[in-house]
């Protein structure tokens, strides 16, 4: 799992979304405190 602060996520959103597409989870932090997690969705999530 990759950890990223909000400011870096904003600056490099496309790169982080690509990591998620490849199966990696991204933990989003605000001032180094976890606030969210971006995870890949499965095809079953779309039904």
Protein backbone atom coordinates (compact mmCIF):
# COMPACT_ATOMS: atom_id res chain seq x y z
CA UNK A 1 0.00 0.00 0.00
CA UNK A 2 1.30 3.41 -0.98
CA UNK A 3 0.84 6.39 1.36
CA UNK A 4 0.37 9.90 -0.03
CA UNK A 5 -0.48 13.29 1.44
CA UNK A 6 -3.36 15.24 -0.09
CA UNK A 7 -1.11 17.88 -1.66
CA UNK A 8 0.94 15.24 -3.48
CA UNK A 9 -2.22 13.40 -4.53
CA UNK A 10 -3.60 16.60 -6.08
CA UNK A 11 -0.36 17.25 -7.93
CA UNK A 12 -0.06 13.70 -9.29
CA UNK A 13 -3.60 12.33 -9.34
CA UNK A 14 -3.28 10.59 -12.72
CA UNK A 15 -0.17 8.72 -11.61
CA UNK A 16 -1.83 7.53 -8.41
CA UNK A 17 -4.99 6.46 -10.24
CA UNK A 18 -2.78 4.43 -12.58
CA UNK A 19 -1.28 2.64 -9.57
CA UNK A 20 -4.79 1.81 -8.37
CA UNK A 21 -5.69 0.50 -11.83
CA UNK A 22 -2.68 -1.80 -11.53
CA UNK A 23 -4.04 -3.19 -8.24
CA UNK A 24 -2.26 -1.10 -5.61
CA UNK A 25 -4.10 0.58 -2.74
CA UNK A 26 -3.35 4.22 -1.90
CA UNK A 27 -3.72 5.54 1.64
CA UNK A 28 -4.54 9.27 1.61
CA UNK A 29 -3.30 11.33 4.55
CA UNK A 30 -3.93 14.86 5.74
CA UNK A 31 -0.85 16.10 7.58
CA UNK A 32 0.31 12.48 7.91
CA UNK A 33 -3.01 11.33 9.47
CA UNK A 34 -4.90 8.74 7.40
CA UNK A 35 -8.24 10.03 6.11
CA UNK A 36 -9.13 7.80 3.14
CA UNK A 37 -8.10 4.82 1.10
CA UNK A 38 -8.36 4.45 -2.68
CA UNK A 39 -8.77 0.82 -3.69
CA UNK A 40 -9.32 -0.87 -7.04
CA UNK A 41 -12.92 -1.74 -7.75
CA UNK A 42 -13.93 -5.08 -9.17
CA UNK A 43 -16.36 -5.67 -12.01
CA UNK A 44 -18.83 -7.02 -9.43
CA UNK A 45 -18.91 -3.53 -7.87
CA UNK A 46 -20.60 -2.20 -11.03
CA UNK A 47 -23.68 -4.42 -11.02
